[in-house]
Amino acid sequence: MDWKGIGYLTSIASVVFLGAVAWPGPEEPDWVLPALIAGMVLSILGMGFRYMSHLQERREIREAKAEARRS
């Protein structure tokens, strides 16, 4: 089981829930909604990039172990 992946999915879900709670009402300034959406998207993208880095690192470790076994 990939606990990091589960952790990132949990963090993404929390961003969605927090964004839903923070969703601006009609009386809020016009800039609030784009700022909220940008913050949510950037947070989710950052988690996705970190997870991709984690997967790449795992792949490199597997390849290094396989290379060590061949030598």
Protein backbone atom coordinates (compact mmCIF):
# COMPACT_ATOMS: atom_id res chain seq x y z
CA MET A 1 0.00 0.00 0.00
CA ASP A 2 1.30 3.43 -0.92
CA TRP A 3 0.70 5.52 2.20
CA LYS A 4 2.11 8.66 0.58
CA GLY A 5 -0.45 8.35 -2.20
CA ILE A 6 -3.25 7.95 0.34
CA GLY A 7 -1.91 10.96 2.23
CA TYR A 8 -1.90 13.10 -0.89
CA LEU A 9 -5.44 12.03 -1.79
CA THR A 10 -6.55 12.90 1.73
CA SER A 11 -4.92 16.32 1.41
CA ILE A 12 -6.65 16.90 -1.93
CA ALA A 13 -10.00 16.01 -0.37
CA SER A 14 -9.31 18.44 2.47
CA VAL A 15 -8.58 21.24 -0.04
CA VAL A 16 -11.92 20.58 -1.72
CA PHE A 17 -13.82 20.60 1.59
CA LEU A 18 -12.06 23.73 2.85
CA GLY A 19 -12.68 25.45 -0.49
CA ALA A 20 -16.39 24.57 -0.26
CA VAL A 21 -16.60 26.12 3.20
CA ALA A 22 -14.68 29.22 2.10
CA TRP A 23 -16.71 29.67 -1.12
CA PRO A 24 -17.56 33.40 -1.27
CA GLY A 25 -21.08 34.69 -1.06
CA PRO A 26 -22.55 37.37 -3.32
CA GLU A 27 -21.47 40.15 -0.95
CA GLU A 28 -17.75 39.26 -1.23
CA PRO A 29 -15.42 41.30 -3.49
CA ASP A 30 -15.03 40.01 -7.06
CA TRP A 31 -11.38 39.00 -6.56
CA VAL A 32 -12.12 36.49 -3.79
CA LEU A 33 -13.50 33.69 -5.99
CA PRO A 34 -10.60 33.63 -8.51
CA ALA A 35 -8.10 33.80 -5.64
CA LEU A 36 -9.79 30.90 -3.86
CA ILE A 37 -9.93 28.78 -7.02
CA ALA A 38 -6.28 29.58 -7.87
CA GLY A 39 -5.19 28.64 -4.35
CA MET A 40 -7.09 25.34 -4.48
CA VAL A 41 -5.75 24.44 -7.92
CA LEU A 42 -2.16 25.31 -7.00
CA SER A 43 -2.38 23.30 -3.79
CA ILE A 44 -3.71 20.25 -5.62
CA LEU A 45 -1.08 20.63 -8.39
CA GLY A 46 1.67 20.87 -5.78
CA MET A 47 0.52 17.63 -4.17
CA GLY A 48 0.38 15.97 -7.58
CA PHE A 49 3.94 17.09 -8.39
CA ARG A 50 5.21 15.83 -5.03
CA TYR A 51 3.52 12.47 -5.61
CA MET A 52 5.00 12.22 -9.11
CA SER A 53 8.43 12.92 -7.57
CA HIS A 54 7.79 10.18 -5.02
CA LEU A 55 6.91 7.70 -7.78
CA GLN A 56 10.01 8.66 -9.77
CA GLU A 57 12.20 8.18 -6.70
CA ARG A 58 10.71 4.73 -6.08
CA ARG A 59 11.30 3.80 -9.73
CA GLU A 60 14.94 4.94 -9.52
CA ILE A 61 15.48 2.89 -6.36
CA ARG A 62 14.01 -0.21 -8.04
CA GLU A 63 16.23 0.32 -11.07
CA ALA A 64 19.34 0.79 -8.89
CA LYS A 65 18.54 -2.42 -6.99
CA ALA A 66 18.05 -4.30 -10.24
CA GLU A 67 21.35 -2.94 -11.58
CA ALA A 68 23.14 -3.95 -8.36
CA ARG A 69 21.78 -7.50 -8.68
CA ARG A 70 23.03 -7.73 -12.28
CA SER A 71 26.57 -6.68 -11.32
